[in-house]
Protein backbone atom coordinates (compact mmCIF):
# COMPACT_ATOMS: atom_id res chain seq x y z
CA MET A 1 0.00 0.00 0.00
CA ARG A 2 2.84 2.30 0.77
CA ARG A 3 4.33 1.81 -2.70
CA LEU A 4 0.98 2.37 -4.37
CA GLY A 5 0.57 5.67 -2.57
CA LEU A 6 3.96 6.82 -3.70
CA GLY A 7 3.11 5.92 -7.30
CA LEU A 8 -0.13 7.87 -7.19
CA VAL A 9 1.63 10.91 -5.75
CA ALA A 10 4.26 10.79 -8.51
CA ALA A 11 1.55 10.46 -11.18
CA ALA A 12 -0.30 13.44 -9.74
CA LEU A 13 2.85 15.49 -9.74
CA LEU A 14 3.55 14.59 -13.35
CA LEU A 15 0.04 15.42 -14.50
CA GLY A 16 -0.10 18.65 -12.55
CA GLY A 17 3.26 19.90 -13.82
CA ALA A 18 4.11 21.56 -17.18
CA PRO A 19 3.90 19.33 -20.28
CA TRP A 20 7.08 17.93 -21.89
CA PRO A 21 8.08 19.28 -25.25
CA ASP A 22 7.23 17.22 -28.37
CA VAL A 23 10.37 17.05 -30.52
CA CYS A 24 8.85 14.79 -33.20
CA GLU A 25 7.04 17.58 -35.06
CA ALA A 26 9.05 19.08 -38.00
CA LEU A 27 9.40 22.61 -39.40
CA ASN A 28 8.54 23.44 -43.02
CA VAL A 29 11.91 24.29 -44.62
CA THR A 30 12.54 24.95 -48.34
CA VAL A 31 15.68 25.99 -50.24
CA SER A 32 15.67 28.06 -53.44
CA PRO A 33 16.81 27.83 -56.13
CA GLY A 34 16.54 24.09 -56.31
CA PRO A 35 16.72 21.21 -56.57
CA ARG A 36 19.65 21.84 -58.93
CA VAL A 37 21.32 25.04 -60.12
CA GLN A 38 24.29 25.72 -62.40
CA TYR A 39 26.84 28.48 -62.05
CA ALA A 40 29.92 29.35 -64.06
CA ALA A 41 33.29 29.36 -62.36
CA GLY A 42 33.97 32.76 -60.79
CA GLU A 43 30.29 33.68 -60.32
CA ASN A 44 28.51 34.24 -56.99
CA ALA A 45 25.90 31.76 -55.69
CA SER A 46 22.93 32.85 -53.57
CA LEU A 47 20.86 30.23 -51.66
CA SER A 48 17.77 31.15 -49.62
CA CYS A 49 16.39 29.04 -46.77
CA HIS A 50 12.67 29.65 -46.04
CA VAL A 51 11.25 28.62 -42.64
CA SER A 52 7.55 28.38 -41.74
CA GLN A 53 5.08 26.63 -39.37
CA ARG A 54 6.87 27.23 -36.11
CA ARG A 55 5.26 25.79 -32.97
CA ARG A 56 5.64 28.89 -30.83
CA THR A 57 6.04 32.51 -31.84
CA GLU A 58 8.46 33.29 -29.02
CA SER A 59 10.82 30.45 -29.94
CA LEU A 60 14.21 31.07 -31.55
CA LEU A 61 15.81 29.48 -34.65
CA ALA A 62 19.30 28.07 -35.16
CA VAL A 63 20.33 27.72 -38.82
CA ARG A 64 23.14 25.49 -40.08
CA TRP A 65 24.51 24.99 -43.60
CA VAL A 66 26.10 21.63 -44.28
CA PHE A 67 28.19 20.70 -47.36
CA ALA A 68 27.59 17.10 -48.45
CA VAL A 69 29.84 15.15 -50.79
CA PRO A 70 28.72 11.76 -52.11
CA PRO A 71 28.41 9.13 -50.90
CA ALA A 72 27.72 10.21 -47.29
CA GLN A 73 30.26 12.80 -46.19
CA GLU A 74 28.80 15.89 -44.51
CA HIS A 75 30.81 18.88 -43.32
CA LEU A 76 29.32 21.63 -41.16
CA MET A 77 30.27 24.91 -42.81
CA ILE A 78 28.56 27.79 -41.06
CA LYS A 79 25.96 28.33 -38.35
CA MET A 80 23.78 31.19 -37.11
CA THR A 81 22.97 30.74 -33.45
CA LYS A 82 19.66 31.54 -31.76
CA TYR A 83 21.15 34.92 -30.86
CA GLY A 84 22.10 35.71 -34.52
CA VAL A 85 25.84 35.08 -34.17
CA VAL A 86 27.58 33.53 -37.22
CA GLN A 87 30.11 30.78 -36.53
CA TYR A 88 32.43 28.85 -38.88
CA TYR A 89 33.46 25.21 -38.41
CA GLY A 90 36.26 22.90 -39.53
CA ASN A 91 38.34 23.93 -42.53
CA TYR A 92 35.91 26.79 -43.18
CA THR A 93 37.38 28.75 -40.27
CA ARG A 94 40.25 29.74 -42.54
CA HIS A 95 40.48 33.28 -43.81
CA PHE A 96 40.11 32.05 -47.41
CA TYR A 97 36.63 30.65 -46.68
CA LYS A 98 35.54 33.41 -44.31
CA GLN A 99 35.89 35.91 -47.15
CA ARG A 100 33.81 33.76 -49.50
CA LEU A 101 31.05 32.43 -47.19
CA LEU A 102 28.36 34.74 -45.77
CA LEU A 103 25.14 33.94 -43.85
CA LEU A 104 22.51 36.69 -43.48
CA GLU A 105 19.02 36.92 -41.98
CA GLU A 106 17.00 38.48 -44.79
CA LYS A 107 13.60 38.37 -43.03
CA HIS A 108 13.23 38.06 -39.25
CA ARG A 109 13.02 34.35 -38.36
CA THR A 110 11.68 33.55 -41.83
CA VAL A 111 14.31 33.79 -44.62
CA TYR A 112 18.06 33.18 -44.28
CA LYS A 113 20.38 33.84 -47.24
CA PHE A 114 23.64 31.95 -47.77
CA LEU A 115 26.18 33.54 -50.16
CA ILE A 116 29.17 31.79 -51.79
CA LEU A 117 31.47 34.22 -53.58
CA ASN A 118 33.82 33.39 -56.46
CA LEU A 119 32.69 29.82 -57.06
CA GLN A 120 35.32 27.17 -57.85
CA GLN A 121 35.26 23.50 -58.76
CA ILE A 122 35.73 22.47 -55.12
CA ASP A 123 32.41 24.20 -54.26
CA GLN A 124 30.41 21.81 -56.40
CA GLY A 125 28.12 19.51 -54.38
CA HIS A 126 24.97 19.36 -52.22
CA TYR A 127 24.13 22.09 -49.69
CA ILE A 128 21.74 21.27 -46.81
CA CYS A 129 19.97 23.87 -44.71
CA LYS A 130 19.10 22.51 -41.21
CA VAL A 131 16.88 24.61 -38.96
CA GLN A 132 16.15 23.93 -35.31
CA GLU A 133 13.44 25.62 -33.27
CA ILE A 134 14.63 26.27 -29.69
CA GLY A 135 12.65 27.34 -26.64
CA LYS A 136 13.02 27.49 -22.84
CA HIS A 137 11.54 24.78 -20.65
CA ARG A 138 12.13 24.96 -16.88
CA ASN A 139 14.90 27.49 -17.44
CA LYS A 140 16.58 25.21 -19.95
CA TRP A 141 16.91 25.61 -23.74
CA THR A 142 15.15 22.75 -25.43
CA ALA A 143 14.73 21.87 -29.12
CA TRP A 144 11.04 21.87 -30.05
CA SER A 145 11.25 20.91 -33.75
CA ASN A 146 13.65 20.40 -36.62
CA GLY A 147 13.55 20.78 -40.41
CA SER A 148 15.90 20.55 -43.38
CA ALA A 149 16.06 21.00 -47.14
CA SER A 150 18.81 20.73 -49.75
CA THR A 151 19.88 21.82 -53.23
CA GLU A 152 22.72 20.96 -55.59
CA ILE A 153 25.22 23.41 -57.09
CA GLN A 154 27.04 22.53 -60.30
CA VAL A 155 30.06 24.63 -61.24
CA ILE A 156 30.84 24.80 -64.95
CA SER A 157 34.43 25.50 -65.91
CA SER A 158 35.41 28.13 -68.44
CA GLU A 159 36.51 25.44 -70.92
CA VAL A 160 33.08 23.85 -70.84
CA LEU A 161 31.52 27.26 -71.23
CA ASP A 162 33.77 27.99 -74.18
CA ASP A 163 32.86 24.64 -75.73
CA SER A 164 29.15 25.24 -75.18
CA ALA A 165 29.45 28.78 -76.54
CA ALA A 166 31.38 27.46 -79.55
CA GLU A 167 28.72 24.81 -80.08
CA LYS A 168 25.97 27.43 -79.90
CA ASN A 169 27.88 29.63 -82.31
CA HIS A 170 28.34 26.67 -84.62
CA LYS A 171 24.62 25.94 -84.55
CA ALA A 172 23.83 29.60 -85.15
CA TRP A 173 26.34 29.76 -88.01
CA LYS A 174 24.90 26.55 -89.47
CA PHE A 175 21.42 28.06 -89.34
CA PHE A 176 22.58 31.29 -90.98
CA LYS A 177 24.56 29.24 -93.50
CA ASP A 178 21.42 27.38 -94.48
CA MET A 179 19.57 30.68 -94.73
CA TYR A 180 22.39 32.08 -96.87
CA VAL A 181 22.23 29.08 -99.20
CA CYS A 182 18.46 29.50 -99.53
CA ALA A 183 18.83 33.21 -100.22
CA VAL A 184 21.51 32.58 -102.86
CA PHE A 185 19.30 29.95 -104.52
CA VAL A 186 16.30 32.31 -104.60
CA CYS A 187 18.43 35.17 -105.98
CA SER A 188 19.93 32.86 -108.62
CA MET A 189 16.47 31.76 -109.75
CA GLY A 190 15.39 35.39 -109.98
CA ILE A 191 18.44 36.35 -112.05
CA ILE A 192 17.93 33.37 -114.37
CA SER A 193 14.26 34.26 -114.87
CA VAL A 194 15.19 37.88 -115.67
CA LEU A 195 17.80 36.72 -118.20
CA LEU A 196 15.31 34.34 -119.86
CA PHE A 197 12.71 37.11 -120.05
CA THR A 198 15.28 39.46 -121.63
CA LEU A 199 16.28 36.76 -124.13
CA VAL A 200 12.65 36.18 -125.13
CA ILE A 201 12.06 39.92 -125.63
CA LEU A 202 15.25 40.18 -127.73
CA CYS A 203 14.21 37.25 -129.94
CA GLN A 204 10.76 38.73 -130.49
CA THR A 205 12.31 42.09 -131.42
CA LEU A 206 14.65 40.48 -133.97
CA ILE A 207 11.79 38.45 -135.50
CA ASN A 208 9.62 41.59 -135.82
CA LYS A 209 12.47 43.48 -137.48
CA LYS A 210 13.03 40.63 -139.94
CA ARG A 211 9.33 40.56 -140.83
CA SER A 212 9.26 44.32 -141.40
CA ARG A 213 12.30 44.05 -143.71
CA VAL A 214 10.61 41.29 -145.76
CA LYS A 215 7.45 43.40 -146.12
CA HIS A 216 9.49 46.40 -147.25
CA TYR A 217 11.32 44.27 -149.84
CA LEU A 218 8.05 42.90 -151.23
CA VAL A 219 6.56 46.39 -151.54
CA LYS A 220 9.67 47.64 -153.32
CA CYS A 221 9.59 44.70 -155.79
CA SER A 222 5.93 45.33 -156.53
CA GLN A 223 6.65 49.00 -157.30
CA ASN A 224 9.48 48.04 -159.67
CA SER A 225 7.29 45.52 -161.47
CA LEU A 226 4.57 48.13 -161.91
CA GLY A 227 7.06 50.61 -163.41
CA GLU A 228 8.39 48.09 -165.92
CA MET A 229 5.22 46.40 -167.10
CA GLY A 230 2.97 49.47 -167.31
CA ASN A 231 -0.76 49.53 -166.95
CA GLY A 232 -2.82 46.33 -166.73
CA VAL A 233 -0.10 44.30 -164.97
CA THR A 234 -0.70 43.44 -161.30
CA SER A 235 1.87 42.30 -158.74
CA LEU A 236 1.74 38.73 -157.44
CA SER A 237 2.85 39.77 -153.97
CA PRO A 238 0.25 39.71 -151.18
CA VAL A 239 0.87 43.39 -150.50
CA GLU A 240 -1.71 45.77 -151.91
CA PRO A 241 -0.46 47.72 -154.94
CA ILE A 242 0.42 51.32 -154.38
CA LYS A 243 -1.05 53.86 -156.74
CA VAL A 244 1.62 55.55 -158.77
CA LYS A 245 1.09 59.20 -159.32
CA ARG A 246 1.90 60.27 -162.78
CA LYS A 247 2.82 63.77 -163.68
CA LYS A 248 0.45 65.49 -166.03
CA GLU A 249 2.07 66.18 -169.33
CA LYS A 250 1.78 69.74 -170.39
CA VAL A 251 0.05 69.98 -173.73
CA GLU A 252 1.88 72.35 -175.98
CA GLN A 253 -0.56 74.97 -177.13
CA PRO A 254 -0.11 76.33 -180.64
CA PRO A 255 0.74 79.97 -180.91
CA ALA A 256 -1.96 82.45 -181.62
CA ILE A 257 -2.98 82.83 -185.25
CA PRO A 258 -1.84 86.13 -186.61
CA ALA A 259 -4.37 88.62 -187.88
CA LYS A 260 -5.44 88.54 -191.48
CA ALA A 261 -2.80 90.24 -193.48
CA THR A 262 -2.66 91.41 -196.93
CA LYS A 263 -2.41 88.71 -199.45
CA PRO A 264 1.26 88.17 -200.08
CA LYS A 265 2.74 87.92 -203.41
CA LEU A 266 3.61 84.45 -204.59
CA LEU A 267 7.11 83.91 -205.84
CA LYS A 268 5.94 81.27 -208.17
CA PRO A 269 2.55 81.07 -209.73
CA GLN A 270 0.56 78.20 -208.37
CA ARG A 271 -2.03 76.41 -210.19
CA LYS A 272 -5.53 76.50 -208.88
CA VAL A 273 -7.20 73.18 -208.50
CA LEU A 274 -10.81 73.36 -209.41
CA LEU A 275 -12.96 70.99 -207.46
CA PRO A 276 -16.07 69.69 -209.13
CA LYS A 277 -19.22 71.35 -208.04
CA ILE A 278 -21.82 69.13 -206.62
CA ALA A 279 -25.39 70.15 -206.97
CA GLU A 280 -26.20 69.25 -203.40
CA GLU A 281 -26.99 72.37 -201.39
CA ASN A 282 -26.46 70.87 -198.03
CA LEU A 283 -22.71 70.34 -198.46
CA THR A 284 -20.13 73.02 -197.86
CA TYR A 285 -16.66 72.86 -199.36
CA ALA A 286 -13.54 74.86 -198.69
CA GLU A 287 -10.50 75.66 -200.72
CA LEU A 288 -7.14 75.18 -198.96
CA GLU A 289 -4.19 77.26 -199.94
CA LEU A 290 -0.74 76.56 -198.55
CA ILE A 291 1.19 79.74 -197.86
CA LYS A 292 4.80 79.82 -196.77
CA PRO A 293 5.10 82.48 -194.09
CA TYR A 294 7.89 84.99 -193.89
CA GLN A 295 10.89 84.00 -191.88
CA LYS A 296 11.36 87.51 -190.60
CA GLU A 297 8.24 87.38 -188.44
CA LYS A 298 8.95 86.74 -184.78
CA GLY A 299 7.35 83.96 -182.78
CA ILE A 300 6.64 81.72 -185.80
CA PRO A 301 8.95 78.74 -186.21
CA THR A 302 10.17 77.94 -189.63
CA VAL A 303 9.27 74.25 -189.45
CA THR A 304 5.61 74.60 -188.43
CA VAL A 305 3.02 75.12 -191.21
CA TYR A 306 -0.41 76.43 -190.38
CA ALA A 307 -3.58 76.43 -192.57
CA GLN A 308 -6.31 79.03 -192.64
CA ILE A 309 -9.79 78.15 -193.90
CA LEU A 310 -12.19 80.90 -194.94
CA PHE A 311 -15.84 80.16 -195.61
CA GLU A 312 -17.77 82.39 -198.11
CA GLU A 313 -21.35 81.98 -199.00
CA ASN A 314 -21.86 81.80 -202.76
CA LYS A 315 -25.21 82.62 -204.22
CA MET A 316 -26.30 80.01 -206.68
C-alpha cells in the first residue's frame, strides 16, 4: 500500500506539472533555387532558406549549412545561433573561406540567405539547410522541432563554357549558312528568270524586225514591177499595190494665129485646082491654100506650117 501511494503521488505530480516538449514535429523548410542550379566558375551563388510553421512565436531558430559530398560525407560549414551570431566550423574557419562564405538573416526568423562568392570547382556539391526551433523549458533551452532541405550546385568551368558557346555559335552559323544558301538559290532563280525574259524579248524584237524588212522588200519589188510592165499588170505579192502618181504632161498649145494680113505675093505662080461642083446644097466645101510664111516674123517657127480656112457663101 505504501508503494501504491507513492506511485499515485508521482503520477499526480507529473500530471499537474508543465507538459514535456514534443520534438517529433518538423518545421517546413525549403531551399531556393533548387533542386539543382548551375553556375559558371567565378560567379557568386545565392541560396535562400525559407522557414515556416513554427510551434511557438516566441521560440528562436538556429540555422546550419552543411556541405555534403557523395556518398555520405557531410561537413558543417557555417551556423547562425539563436542569438544571430555567425560561426564557422572545420576547414571553413580559414580566412580564405571566411571571405567567401556569408550567412545573413533576410527576413526576421523567416528567410536566411547563404552567399558563396567566387565559385570554384571544389564548391560543387549538395548544400543542406538545417533549422532547429529552440525554446526554454524549466529554465533550460530545449529543441522543439527540426527541419531541413537541400539543393545541388554545379560549377561549370570556363573550358566547358567555351565549348558550349562554340557549339551554340556553330549551330547559329549553321542556321545562318542554311539561310544564306536558300537566299543565294532564290536570288539565282530570280536572275535566271530575268535573263530568260530578256532573251525572249530580244528574240521577239529580232523576229519583228526581220518581218518588217521582208514586207518592205516585197513592196519595193511590186513597185518596180509596176514601173516596168505598165498599166494592166498586177503584182503577185500579197501586198496591196500602191497607186503611182503620174505627172500630167503639159500639152503644148499652138501659138496664136496672126491677124489677117494682106495677101502676099507668090514667088511662083501656083495652079488653082478646081474641085467639081456638086449640086447638093447641103454640103459646104472649102479651098485650102498653102502659104509659106515669112521668116522675118517673130514667134513663128520655120518648121511649123499652119492652114487658114475661110468660108464664103456663094449665091447660086
